[in-house]
mmCIF file of all heavy atoms, coordinates in Angstrom:
data_MODEL
# 
_entry.id   MODEL 
# 
loop_
_atom_site.group_PDB 
_atom_site.id 
_atom_site.type_symbol 
_atom_site.label_atom_id 
_atom_site.label_alt_id 
_atom_site.label_comp_id 
_atom_site.label_asym_id 
_atom_site.label_entity_id 
_atom_site.label_seq_id 
_atom_site.pdbx_PDB_ins_code 
_atom_site.Cartn_x 
_atom_site.Cartn_y 
_atom_site.Cartn_z 
_atom_site.occupancy 
_atom_site.B_iso_or_equiv 
_atom_site.pdbx_formal_charge 
_atom_site.auth_seq_id 
_atom_site.auth_comp_id 
_atom_site.auth_asym_id 
_atom_site.auth_atom_id 
_atom_site.pdbx_PDB_model_num 
ATOM 1   N N   . LEU A 1 1  ? 5.776   -27.196 20.638 1.00 0.00 ? 1  LEU A N   1 
ATOM 2   C CA  . LEU A 1 1  ? 5.892   -27.590 21.997 1.00 0.00 ? 1  LEU A CA  1 
ATOM 3   C C   . LEU A 1 1  ? 4.720   -28.461 22.286 1.00 0.00 ? 1  LEU A C   1 
ATOM 4   O O   . LEU A 1 1  ? 3.555   -28.177 21.857 1.00 0.00 ? 1  LEU A O   1 
ATOM 5   C CB  . LEU A 1 1  ? 6.018   -26.433 22.921 1.00 0.00 ? 1  LEU A CB  1 
ATOM 6   C CG  . LEU A 1 1  ? 7.310   -25.670 22.684 1.00 0.00 ? 1  LEU A CG  1 
ATOM 7   C CD1 . LEU A 1 1  ? 7.178   -24.411 23.673 1.00 0.00 ? 1  LEU A CD1 1 
ATOM 8   C CD2 . LEU A 1 1  ? 8.524   -26.382 22.912 1.00 0.00 ? 1  LEU A CD2 1 
ATOM 9   N N   . ASP A 1 2  ? 4.895   -29.400 23.300 1.00 0.00 ? 2  ASP A N   1 
ATOM 10  C CA  . ASP A 1 2  ? 3.702   -30.207 23.841 1.00 0.00 ? 2  ASP A CA  1 
ATOM 11  C C   . ASP A 1 2  ? 2.965   -29.295 24.877 1.00 0.00 ? 2  ASP A C   1 
ATOM 12  O O   . ASP A 1 2  ? 3.615   -28.616 25.572 1.00 0.00 ? 2  ASP A O   1 
ATOM 13  C CB  . ASP A 1 2  ? 4.150   -31.444 24.360 1.00 0.00 ? 2  ASP A CB  1 
ATOM 14  C CG  . ASP A 1 2  ? 4.662   -32.431 23.356 1.00 0.00 ? 2  ASP A CG  1 
ATOM 15  O OD1 . ASP A 1 2  ? 4.134   -32.374 22.234 1.00 0.00 ? 2  ASP A OD1 1 
ATOM 16  O OD2 . ASP A 1 2  ? 5.575   -33.363 23.612 1.00 0.00 ? 2  ASP A OD2 1 
ATOM 17  N N   . GLY A 1 3  ? 1.664   -29.504 24.938 1.00 0.00 ? 3  GLY A N   1 
ATOM 18  C CA  . GLY A 1 3  ? 0.874   -28.836 25.850 1.00 0.00 ? 3  GLY A CA  1 
ATOM 19  C C   . GLY A 1 3  ? -0.477  -29.388 25.907 1.00 0.00 ? 3  GLY A C   1 
ATOM 20  O O   . GLY A 1 3  ? -0.814  -30.329 25.244 1.00 0.00 ? 3  GLY A O   1 
ATOM 21  N N   . PRO A 1 4  ? -1.342  -28.725 26.808 1.00 0.00 ? 4  PRO A N   1 
ATOM 22  C CA  . PRO A 1 4  ? -2.667  -29.374 26.903 1.00 0.00 ? 4  PRO A CA  1 
ATOM 23  C C   . PRO A 1 4  ? -3.471  -29.004 25.658 1.00 0.00 ? 4  PRO A C   1 
ATOM 24  O O   . PRO A 1 4  ? -3.352  -28.053 25.046 1.00 0.00 ? 4  PRO A O   1 
ATOM 25  C CB  . PRO A 1 4  ? -3.260  -28.675 28.085 1.00 0.00 ? 4  PRO A CB  1 
ATOM 26  C CG  . PRO A 1 4  ? -2.434  -27.371 28.272 1.00 0.00 ? 4  PRO A CG  1 
ATOM 27  C CD  . PRO A 1 4  ? -1.044  -27.664 27.715 1.00 0.00 ? 4  PRO A CD  1 
ATOM 28  N N   . GLY A 1 5  ? -4.310  -29.896 25.383 1.00 0.00 ? 5  GLY A N   1 
ATOM 29  C CA  . GLY A 1 5  ? -5.227  -29.810 24.219 1.00 0.00 ? 5  GLY A CA  1 
ATOM 30  C C   . GLY A 1 5  ? -4.545  -30.181 22.826 1.00 0.00 ? 5  GLY A C   1 
ATOM 31  O O   . GLY A 1 5  ? -3.297  -30.396 22.842 1.00 0.00 ? 5  GLY A O   1 
ATOM 32  N N   . SER A 1 6  ? -5.345  -30.201 21.800 1.00 0.00 ? 6  SER A N   1 
ATOM 33  C CA  . SER A 1 6  ? -4.802  -30.613 20.541 1.00 0.00 ? 6  SER A CA  1 
ATOM 34  C C   . SER A 1 6  ? -4.072  -29.333 19.894 1.00 0.00 ? 6  SER A C   1 
ATOM 35  O O   . SER A 1 6  ? -4.184  -28.232 20.397 1.00 0.00 ? 6  SER A O   1 
ATOM 36  C CB  . SER A 1 6  ? -5.872  -30.964 19.635 1.00 0.00 ? 6  SER A CB  1 
ATOM 37  O OG  . SER A 1 6  ? -6.722  -29.914 19.329 1.00 0.00 ? 6  SER A OG  1 
ATOM 38  N N   . THR A 1 7  ? -3.296  -29.655 18.829 1.00 0.00 ? 7  THR A N   1 
ATOM 39  C CA  . THR A 1 7  ? -2.580  -28.650 18.156 1.00 0.00 ? 7  THR A CA  1 
ATOM 40  C C   . THR A 1 7  ? -3.544  -27.475 17.643 1.00 0.00 ? 7  THR A C   1 
ATOM 41  O O   . THR A 1 7  ? -3.352  -26.270 17.768 1.00 0.00 ? 7  THR A O   1 
ATOM 42  C CB  . THR A 1 7  ? -1.780  -29.201 17.087 1.00 0.00 ? 7  THR A CB  1 
ATOM 43  O OG1 . THR A 1 7  ? -0.932  -30.105 17.498 1.00 0.00 ? 7  THR A OG1 1 
ATOM 44  C CG2 . THR A 1 7  ? -0.999  -28.091 16.249 1.00 0.00 ? 7  THR A CG2 1 
ATOM 45  N N   . GLY A 1 8  ? -4.824  -27.930 17.091 1.00 0.00 ? 8  GLY A N   1 
ATOM 46  C CA  . GLY A 1 8  ? -5.692  -26.989 16.676 1.00 0.00 ? 8  GLY A CA  1 
ATOM 47  C C   . GLY A 1 8  ? -6.230  -26.053 17.837 1.00 0.00 ? 8  GLY A C   1 
ATOM 48  O O   . GLY A 1 8  ? -6.394  -24.907 17.553 1.00 0.00 ? 8  GLY A O   1 
ATOM 49  N N   . GLU A 1 9  ? -6.558  -26.692 19.057 1.00 0.00 ? 9  GLU A N   1 
ATOM 50  C CA  . GLU A 1 9  ? -6.878  -25.832 20.057 1.00 0.00 ? 9  GLU A CA  1 
ATOM 51  C C   . GLU A 1 9  ? -5.910  -24.895 20.544 1.00 0.00 ? 9  GLU A C   1 
ATOM 52  O O   . GLU A 1 9  ? -6.191  -23.768 20.896 1.00 0.00 ? 9  GLU A O   1 
ATOM 53  C CB  . GLU A 1 9  ? -7.355  -26.868 21.341 1.00 0.00 ? 9  GLU A CB  1 
ATOM 54  C CG  . GLU A 1 9  ? -8.517  -27.683 21.134 1.00 0.00 ? 9  GLU A CG  1 
ATOM 55  C CD  . GLU A 1 9  ? -8.820  -28.554 22.291 1.00 0.00 ? 9  GLU A CD  1 
ATOM 56  O OE1 . GLU A 1 9  ? -7.833  -28.808 23.066 1.00 0.00 ? 9  GLU A OE1 1 
ATOM 57  O OE2 . GLU A 1 9  ? -9.791  -29.174 22.419 1.00 0.00 ? 9  GLU A OE2 1 
ATOM 58  N N   . ARG A 1 10 ? -4.612  -25.388 20.518 1.00 0.00 ? 10 ARG A N   1 
ATOM 59  C CA  . ARG A 1 10 ? -3.553  -24.453 20.940 1.00 0.00 ? 10 ARG A CA  1 
ATOM 60  C C   . ARG A 1 10 ? -3.326  -23.285 19.891 1.00 0.00 ? 10 ARG A C   1 
ATOM 61  O O   . ARG A 1 10 ? -3.131  -22.155 20.327 1.00 0.00 ? 10 ARG A O   1 
ATOM 62  C CB  . ARG A 1 10 ? -2.205  -25.192 21.137 1.00 0.00 ? 10 ARG A CB  1 
ATOM 63  C CG  . ARG A 1 10 ? -2.295  -26.112 22.283 1.00 0.00 ? 10 ARG A CG  1 
ATOM 64  C CD  . ARG A 1 10 ? -1.019  -26.664 22.808 1.00 0.00 ? 10 ARG A CD  1 
ATOM 65  N NE  . ARG A 1 10 ? -0.120  -27.176 21.671 1.00 0.00 ? 10 ARG A NE  1 
ATOM 66  C CZ  . ARG A 1 10 ? -0.102  -28.431 21.253 1.00 0.00 ? 10 ARG A CZ  1 
ATOM 67  N NH1 . ARG A 1 10 ? -0.845  -29.402 21.894 1.00 0.00 ? 10 ARG A NH1 1 
ATOM 68  N NH2 . ARG A 1 10 ? 0.644   -28.930 20.328 1.00 0.00 ? 10 ARG A NH2 1 
ATOM 69  N N   . LEU A 1 11 ? -3.560  -23.568 18.703 1.00 0.00 ? 11 LEU A N   1 
ATOM 70  C CA  . LEU A 1 11 ? -3.396  -22.640 17.575 1.00 0.00 ? 11 LEU A CA  1 
ATOM 71  C C   . LEU A 1 11 ? -4.613  -21.568 17.752 1.00 0.00 ? 11 LEU A C   1 
ATOM 72  O O   . LEU A 1 11 ? -4.428  -20.312 17.684 1.00 0.00 ? 11 LEU A O   1 
ATOM 73  C CB  . LEU A 1 11 ? -3.508  -23.081 16.270 1.00 0.00 ? 11 LEU A CB  1 
ATOM 74  C CG  . LEU A 1 11 ? -2.139  -23.866 15.855 1.00 0.00 ? 11 LEU A CG  1 
ATOM 75  C CD1 . LEU A 1 11 ? -2.385  -24.476 14.500 1.00 0.00 ? 11 LEU A CD1 1 
ATOM 76  C CD2 . LEU A 1 11 ? -1.156  -22.837 15.611 1.00 0.00 ? 11 LEU A CD2 1 
ATOM 77  N N   . LEU A 1 12 ? -5.814  -22.037 18.151 1.00 0.00 ? 12 LEU A N   1 
ATOM 78  C CA  . LEU A 1 12 ? -6.979  -21.037 18.207 1.00 0.00 ? 12 LEU A CA  1 
ATOM 79  C C   . LEU A 1 12 ? -6.716  -20.252 19.487 1.00 0.00 ? 12 LEU A C   1 
ATOM 80  O O   . LEU A 1 12 ? -6.968  -19.039 19.421 1.00 0.00 ? 12 LEU A O   1 
ATOM 81  C CB  . LEU A 1 12 ? -8.228  -21.954 18.502 1.00 0.00 ? 12 LEU A CB  1 
ATOM 82  C CG  . LEU A 1 12 ? -9.492  -21.247 18.785 1.00 0.00 ? 12 LEU A CG  1 
ATOM 83  C CD1 . LEU A 1 12 ? -9.856  -20.400 17.552 1.00 0.00 ? 12 LEU A CD1 1 
ATOM 84  C CD2 . LEU A 1 12 ? -10.537 -22.173 19.067 1.00 0.00 ? 12 LEU A CD2 1 
ATOM 85  N N   . PHE A 1 13 ? -6.320  -20.667 20.463 1.00 0.00 ? 13 PHE A N   1 
ATOM 86  C CA  . PHE A 1 13 ? -5.999  -19.897 21.737 1.00 0.00 ? 13 PHE A CA  1 
ATOM 87  C C   . PHE A 1 13 ? -4.928  -18.965 21.487 1.00 0.00 ? 13 PHE A C   1 
ATOM 88  O O   . PHE A 1 13 ? -4.908  -17.843 22.029 1.00 0.00 ? 13 PHE A O   1 
ATOM 89  C CB  . PHE A 1 13 ? -5.685  -20.785 22.984 1.00 0.00 ? 13 PHE A CB  1 
ATOM 90  C CG  . PHE A 1 13 ? -7.038  -21.058 23.790 1.00 0.00 ? 13 PHE A CG  1 
ATOM 91  C CD1 . PHE A 1 13 ? -7.640  -22.285 23.589 1.00 0.00 ? 13 PHE A CD1 1 
ATOM 92  C CD2 . PHE A 1 13 ? -7.607  -20.105 24.586 1.00 0.00 ? 13 PHE A CD2 1 
ATOM 93  C CE1 . PHE A 1 13 ? -8.864  -22.615 24.302 1.00 0.00 ? 13 PHE A CE1 1 
ATOM 94  C CE2 . PHE A 1 13 ? -8.805  -20.358 25.291 1.00 0.00 ? 13 PHE A CE2 1 
ATOM 95  C CZ  . PHE A 1 13 ? -9.382  -21.626 25.155 1.00 0.00 ? 13 PHE A CZ  1 
ATOM 96  N N   . ALA A 1 14 ? -3.965  -19.300 20.746 1.00 0.00 ? 14 ALA A N   1 
ATOM 97  C CA  . ALA A 1 14 ? -2.791  -18.427 20.336 1.00 0.00 ? 14 ALA A CA  1 
ATOM 98  C C   . ALA A 1 14 ? -3.391  -17.248 19.571 1.00 0.00 ? 14 ALA A C   1 
ATOM 99  O O   . ALA A 1 14 ? -3.046  -16.031 19.850 1.00 0.00 ? 14 ALA A O   1 
ATOM 100 C CB  . ALA A 1 14 ? -1.811  -19.110 19.533 1.00 0.00 ? 14 ALA A CB  1 
ATOM 101 N N   . ALA A 1 15 ? -4.331  -17.473 18.618 1.00 0.00 ? 15 ALA A N   1 
ATOM 102 C CA  . ALA A 1 15 ? -4.896  -16.388 17.901 1.00 0.00 ? 15 ALA A CA  1 
ATOM 103 C C   . ALA A 1 15 ? -5.712  -15.565 18.806 1.00 0.00 ? 15 ALA A C   1 
ATOM 104 O O   . ALA A 1 15 ? -5.776  -14.284 18.612 1.00 0.00 ? 15 ALA A O   1 
ATOM 105 C CB  . ALA A 1 15 ? -5.625  -16.915 16.706 1.00 0.00 ? 15 ALA A CB  1 
ATOM 106 N N   . LEU A 1 16 ? -6.616  -16.117 19.583 1.00 0.00 ? 16 LEU A N   1 
ATOM 107 C CA  . LEU A 1 16 ? -7.472  -15.503 20.519 1.00 0.00 ? 16 LEU A CA  1 
ATOM 108 C C   . LEU A 1 16 ? -6.855  -14.639 21.586 1.00 0.00 ? 16 LEU A C   1 
ATOM 109 O O   . LEU A 1 16 ? -7.374  -13.519 21.879 1.00 0.00 ? 16 LEU A O   1 
ATOM 110 C CB  . LEU A 1 16 ? -8.414  -16.429 21.150 1.00 0.00 ? 16 LEU A CB  1 
ATOM 111 C CG  . LEU A 1 16 ? -9.549  -17.098 20.228 1.00 0.00 ? 16 LEU A CG  1 
ATOM 112 C CD1 . LEU A 1 16 ? -10.330 -18.076 20.930 1.00 0.00 ? 16 LEU A CD1 1 
ATOM 113 C CD2 . LEU A 1 16 ? -10.383 -16.012 19.573 1.00 0.00 ? 16 LEU A CD2 1 
ATOM 114 N N   . PHE A 1 17 ? -5.727  -15.092 22.014 1.00 0.00 ? 17 PHE A N   1 
ATOM 115 C CA  . PHE A 1 17 ? -4.936  -14.386 23.038 1.00 0.00 ? 17 PHE A CA  1 
ATOM 116 C C   . PHE A 1 17 ? -4.273  -13.034 22.427 1.00 0.00 ? 17 PHE A C   1 
ATOM 117 O O   . PHE A 1 17 ? -4.096  -12.025 23.096 1.00 0.00 ? 17 PHE A O   1 
ATOM 118 C CB  . PHE A 1 17 ? -3.875  -15.213 23.629 1.00 0.00 ? 17 PHE A CB  1 
ATOM 119 C CG  . PHE A 1 17 ? -4.443  -15.965 24.796 1.00 0.00 ? 17 PHE A CG  1 
ATOM 120 C CD1 . PHE A 1 17 ? -4.725  -17.212 24.756 1.00 0.00 ? 17 PHE A CD1 1 
ATOM 121 C CD2 . PHE A 1 17 ? -4.593  -15.304 26.125 1.00 0.00 ? 17 PHE A CD2 1 
ATOM 122 C CE1 . PHE A 1 17 ? -5.217  -17.943 25.965 1.00 0.00 ? 17 PHE A CE1 1 
ATOM 123 C CE2 . PHE A 1 17 ? -5.006  -15.897 27.204 1.00 0.00 ? 17 PHE A CE2 1 
ATOM 124 C CZ  . PHE A 1 17 ? -5.433  -17.218 27.141 1.00 0.00 ? 17 PHE A CZ  1 
ATOM 125 N N   . THR A 1 18 ? -3.700  -13.163 21.196 1.00 0.00 ? 18 THR A N   1 
ATOM 126 C CA  . THR A 1 18 ? -2.873  -12.186 20.707 1.00 0.00 ? 18 THR A CA  1 
ATOM 127 C C   . THR A 1 18 ? -3.762  -11.166 19.833 1.00 0.00 ? 18 THR A C   1 
ATOM 128 O O   . THR A 1 18 ? -3.473  -9.953  19.883 1.00 0.00 ? 18 THR A O   1 
ATOM 129 C CB  . THR A 1 18 ? -1.798  -12.651 19.688 1.00 0.00 ? 18 THR A CB  1 
ATOM 130 O OG1 . THR A 1 18 ? -2.352  -13.598 18.660 1.00 0.00 ? 18 THR A OG1 1 
ATOM 131 C CG2 . THR A 1 18 ? -0.856  -13.454 20.507 1.00 0.00 ? 18 THR A CG2 1 
ATOM 132 N N   . ALA A 1 19 ? -4.780  -11.540 19.186 1.00 0.00 ? 19 ALA A N   1 
ATOM 133 C CA  . ALA A 1 19 ? -5.650  -10.652 18.338 1.00 0.00 ? 19 ALA A CA  1 
ATOM 134 C C   . ALA A 1 19 ? -6.163  -9.363  19.065 1.00 0.00 ? 19 ALA A C   1 
ATOM 135 O O   . ALA A 1 19 ? -5.973  -8.203  18.553 1.00 0.00 ? 19 ALA A O   1 
ATOM 136 C CB  . ALA A 1 19 ? -6.793  -11.393 17.595 1.00 0.00 ? 19 ALA A CB  1 
ATOM 137 N N   . PRO A 1 20 ? -6.676  -9.503  20.286 1.00 0.00 ? 20 PRO A N   1 
ATOM 138 C CA  . PRO A 1 20 ? -7.129  -8.387  20.952 1.00 0.00 ? 20 PRO A CA  1 
ATOM 139 C C   . PRO A 1 20 ? -6.136  -7.304  21.283 1.00 0.00 ? 20 PRO A C   1 
ATOM 140 O O   . PRO A 1 20 ? -6.518  -6.163  21.420 1.00 0.00 ? 20 PRO A O   1 
ATOM 141 C CB  . PRO A 1 20 ? -7.729  -8.886  22.285 1.00 0.00 ? 20 PRO A CB  1 
ATOM 142 C CG  . PRO A 1 20 ? -8.026  -10.402 22.017 1.00 0.00 ? 20 PRO A CG  1 
ATOM 143 C CD  . PRO A 1 20 ? -6.984  -10.721 21.062 1.00 0.00 ? 20 PRO A CD  1 
ATOM 144 N N   . LEU A 1 21 ? -4.815  -7.718  21.320 1.00 0.00 ? 21 LEU A N   1 
ATOM 145 C CA  . LEU A 1 21 ? -3.934  -6.738  21.588 1.00 0.00 ? 21 LEU A CA  1 
ATOM 146 C C   . LEU A 1 21 ? -3.798  -5.574  20.551 1.00 0.00 ? 21 LEU A C   1 
ATOM 147 O O   . LEU A 1 21 ? -3.262  -4.448  20.765 1.00 0.00 ? 21 LEU A O   1 
ATOM 148 C CB  . LEU A 1 21 ? -2.486  -7.433  21.732 1.00 0.00 ? 21 LEU A CB  1 
ATOM 149 C CG  . LEU A 1 21 ? -2.366  -8.464  22.974 1.00 0.00 ? 21 LEU A CG  1 
ATOM 150 C CD1 . LEU A 1 21 ? -1.012  -9.126  22.794 1.00 0.00 ? 21 LEU A CD1 1 
ATOM 151 C CD2 . LEU A 1 21 ? -2.518  -7.633  24.273 1.00 0.00 ? 21 LEU A CD2 1 
ATOM 152 N N   . LEU A 1 22 ? -4.325  -5.782  19.415 1.00 0.00 ? 22 LEU A N   1 
ATOM 153 C CA  . LEU A 1 22 ? -4.383  -4.791  18.370 1.00 0.00 ? 22 LEU A CA  1 
ATOM 154 C C   . LEU A 1 22 ? -5.009  -3.546  18.873 1.00 0.00 ? 22 LEU A C   1 
ATOM 155 O O   . LEU A 1 22 ? -4.896  -2.404  18.509 1.00 0.00 ? 22 LEU A O   1 
ATOM 156 C CB  . LEU A 1 22 ? -4.930  -5.289  17.096 1.00 0.00 ? 22 LEU A CB  1 
ATOM 157 C CG  . LEU A 1 22 ? -4.024  -5.964  16.141 1.00 0.00 ? 22 LEU A CG  1 
ATOM 158 C CD1 . LEU A 1 22 ? -4.827  -6.483  14.978 1.00 0.00 ? 22 LEU A CD1 1 
ATOM 159 C CD2 . LEU A 1 22 ? -2.919  -5.004  15.615 1.00 0.00 ? 22 LEU A CD2 1 
ATOM 160 N N   . TRP A 1 23 ? -6.042  -3.750  19.707 1.00 0.00 ? 23 TRP A N   1 
ATOM 161 C CA  . TRP A 1 23 ? -7.031  -2.645  20.130 1.00 0.00 ? 23 TRP A CA  1 
ATOM 162 C C   . TRP A 1 23 ? -6.778  -2.305  21.588 1.00 0.00 ? 23 TRP A C   1 
ATOM 163 O O   . TRP A 1 23 ? -7.578  -1.578  22.163 1.00 0.00 ? 23 TRP A O   1 
ATOM 164 C CB  . TRP A 1 23 ? -8.399  -3.127  19.880 1.00 0.00 ? 23 TRP A CB  1 
ATOM 165 C CG  . TRP A 1 23 ? -8.698  -3.324  18.481 1.00 0.00 ? 23 TRP A CG  1 
ATOM 166 C CD1 . TRP A 1 23 ? -9.066  -2.400  17.521 1.00 0.00 ? 23 TRP A CD1 1 
ATOM 167 C CD2 . TRP A 1 23 ? -8.719  -4.509  17.697 1.00 0.00 ? 23 TRP A CD2 1 
ATOM 168 N NE1 . TRP A 1 23 ? -9.120  -3.024  16.337 1.00 0.00 ? 23 TRP A NE1 1 
ATOM 169 C CE2 . TRP A 1 23 ? -9.007  -4.290  16.442 1.00 0.00 ? 23 TRP A CE2 1 
ATOM 170 C CE3 . TRP A 1 23 ? -8.486  -5.872  18.258 1.00 0.00 ? 23 TRP A CE3 1 
ATOM 171 C CZ2 . TRP A 1 23 ? -9.032  -5.244  15.423 1.00 0.00 ? 23 TRP A CZ2 1 
ATOM 172 C CZ3 . TRP A 1 23 ? -8.638  -6.943  17.255 1.00 0.00 ? 23 TRP A CZ3 1 
ATOM 173 C CH2 . TRP A 1 23 ? -8.867  -6.516  15.937 1.00 0.00 ? 23 TRP A CH2 1 
ATOM 174 N N   . ARG A 1 24 ? -5.558  -2.591  22.022 1.00 0.00 ? 24 ARG A N   1 
ATOM 175 C CA  . ARG A 1 24 ? -5.210  -2.270  23.428 1.00 0.00 ? 24 ARG A CA  1 
ATOM 176 C C   . ARG A 1 24 ? -5.189  -0.833  23.707 1.00 0.00 ? 24 ARG A C   1 
ATOM 177 O O   . ARG A 1 24 ? -5.441  -0.302  24.861 1.00 0.00 ? 24 ARG A O   1 
ATOM 178 C CB  . ARG A 1 24 ? -3.985  -2.930  23.842 1.00 0.00 ? 24 ARG A CB  1 
ATOM 179 C CG  . ARG A 1 24 ? -2.718  -2.333  23.208 1.00 0.00 ? 24 ARG A CG  1 
ATOM 180 C CD  . ARG A 1 24 ? -1.529  -3.070  23.567 1.00 0.00 ? 24 ARG A CD  1 
ATOM 181 N NE  . ARG A 1 24 ? -0.423  -2.757  22.779 1.00 0.00 ? 24 ARG A NE  1 
ATOM 182 C CZ  . ARG A 1 24 ? 0.327   -1.572  23.060 1.00 0.00 ? 24 ARG A CZ  1 
ATOM 183 N NH1 . ARG A 1 24 ? 0.107   -0.876  24.003 1.00 0.00 ? 24 ARG A NH1 1 
ATOM 184 N NH2 . ARG A 1 24 ? 1.298   -1.346  22.166 1.00 0.00 ? 24 ARG A NH2 1 
ATOM 185 N N   . ARG A 1 25 ? -4.898  0.059   22.820 1.00 0.00 ? 25 ARG A N   1 
ATOM 186 C CA  . ARG A 1 25 ? -4.834  1.494   23.006 1.00 0.00 ? 25 ARG A CA  1 
ATOM 187 C C   . ARG A 1 25 ? -6.233  2.115   23.013 1.00 0.00 ? 25 ARG A C   1 
ATOM 188 O O   . ARG A 1 25 ? -6.477  3.141   23.707 1.00 0.00 ? 25 ARG A O   1 
ATOM 189 C CB  . ARG A 1 25 ? -3.999  2.216   21.937 1.00 0.00 ? 25 ARG A CB  1 
ATOM 190 C CG  . ARG A 1 25 ? -2.541  1.760   22.096 1.00 0.00 ? 25 ARG A CG  1 
ATOM 191 C CD  . ARG A 1 25 ? -1.797  2.611   20.976 1.00 0.00 ? 25 ARG A CD  1 
ATOM 192 N NE  . ARG A 1 25 ? -0.425  2.120   20.852 1.00 0.00 ? 25 ARG A NE  1 
ATOM 193 C CZ  . ARG A 1 25 ? 0.629   2.844   21.306 1.00 0.00 ? 25 ARG A CZ  1 
ATOM 194 N NH1 . ARG A 1 25 ? 0.560   3.963   22.005 1.00 0.00 ? 25 ARG A NH1 1 
ATOM 195 N NH2 . ARG A 1 25 ? 1.873   2.244   21.058 1.00 0.00 ? 25 ARG A NH2 1 
ATOM 196 N N   . ARG A 1 26 ? -7.117  1.643   22.121 1.00 0.00 ? 26 ARG A N   1 
ATOM 197 C CA  . ARG A 1 26 ? -8.489  2.230   21.923 1.00 0.00 ? 26 ARG A CA  1 
ATOM 198 C C   . ARG A 1 26 ? -9.424  1.755   23.008 1.00 0.00 ? 26 ARG A C   1 
ATOM 199 O O   . ARG A 1 26 ? -10.142 2.479   23.668 1.00 0.00 ? 26 ARG A O   1 
ATOM 200 C CB  . ARG A 1 26 ? -9.000  1.641   20.600 1.00 0.00 ? 26 ARG A CB  1 
ATOM 201 C CG  . ARG A 1 26 ? -10.189 2.288   20.221 1.00 0.00 ? 26 ARG A CG  1 
ATOM 202 C CD  . ARG A 1 26 ? -10.090 3.602   19.670 1.00 0.00 ? 26 ARG A CD  1 
ATOM 203 N NE  . ARG A 1 26 ? -11.378 4.174   19.191 1.00 0.00 ? 26 ARG A NE  1 
ATOM 204 C CZ  . ARG A 1 26 ? -11.650 5.457   19.138 1.00 0.00 ? 26 ARG A CZ  1 
ATOM 205 N NH1 . ARG A 1 26 ? -10.650 6.257   19.358 1.00 0.00 ? 26 ARG A NH1 1 
ATOM 206 N NH2 . ARG A 1 26 ? -12.746 5.804   18.670 1.00 0.00 ? 26 ARG A NH2 1 
ATOM 207 N N   . TRP A 1 27 ? -9.334  0.351   23.393 1.00 0.00 ? 27 TRP A N   1 
ATOM 208 C CA  . TRP A 1 27 ? -10.221 -0.123  24.404 1.00 0.00 ? 27 TRP A CA  1 
ATOM 209 C C   . TRP A 1 27 ? -9.432  -1.069  25.455 1.00 0.00 ? 27 TRP A C   1 
ATOM 210 O O   . TRP A 1 27 ? -9.627  -2.312  25.507 1.00 0.00 ? 27 TRP A O   1 
ATOM 211 C CB  . TRP A 1 27 ? -11.342 -1.033  23.813 1.00 0.00 ? 27 TRP A CB  1 
ATOM 212 C CG  . TRP A 1 27 ? -12.172 -0.258  22.893 1.00 0.00 ? 27 TRP A CG  1 
ATOM 213 C CD1 . TRP A 1 27 ? -13.041 0.708   23.216 1.00 0.00 ? 27 TRP A CD1 1 
ATOM 214 C CD2 . TRP A 1 27 ? -12.319 -0.314  21.540 1.00 0.00 ? 27 TRP A CD2 1 
ATOM 215 N NE1 . TRP A 1 27 ? -13.745 1.300   22.138 1.00 0.00 ? 27 TRP A NE1 1 
ATOM 216 C CE2 . TRP A 1 27 ? -13.279 0.610   21.044 1.00 0.00 ? 27 TRP A CE2 1 
ATOM 217 C CE3 . TRP A 1 27 ? -11.644 -1.209  20.459 1.00 0.00 ? 27 TRP A CE3 1 
ATOM 218 C CZ2 . TRP A 1 27 ? -13.670 0.704   19.733 1.00 0.00 ? 27 TRP A CZ2 1 
ATOM 219 C CZ3 . TRP A 1 27 ? -12.074 -1.000  19.162 1.00 0.00 ? 27 TRP A CZ3 1 
ATOM 220 C CH2 . TRP A 1 27 ? -12.997 -0.059  18.737 1.00 0.00 ? 27 TRP A CH2 1 
ATOM 221 N N   . PRO A 1 28 ? -8.664  -0.373  26.254 1.00 0.00 ? 28 PRO A N   1 
ATOM 222 C CA  . PRO A 1 28 ? -7.647  -1.168  27.190 1.00 0.00 ? 28 PRO A CA  1 
ATOM 223 C C   . PRO A 1 28 ? -8.415  -2.169  28.069 1.00 0.00 ? 28 PRO A C   1 
ATOM 224 O O   . PRO A 1 28 ? -8.099  -3.271  28.299 1.00 0.00 ? 28 PRO A O   1 
ATOM 225 C CB  . PRO A 1 28 ? -6.902  -0.205  27.841 1.00 0.00 ? 28 PRO A CB  1 
ATOM 226 C CG  . PRO A 1 28 ? -7.562  1.078   27.760 1.00 0.00 ? 28 PRO A CG  1 
ATOM 227 C CD  . PRO A 1 28 ? -8.467  1.053   26.522 1.00 0.00 ? 28 PRO A CD  1 
# 
């Protein structure tokens, strides 16, 4: 999908937004 920023930036933010969810129970 088209969006703001380059594809690399969008991929980085995708990873940064989802990875912390692994620890949502321990450190919400």
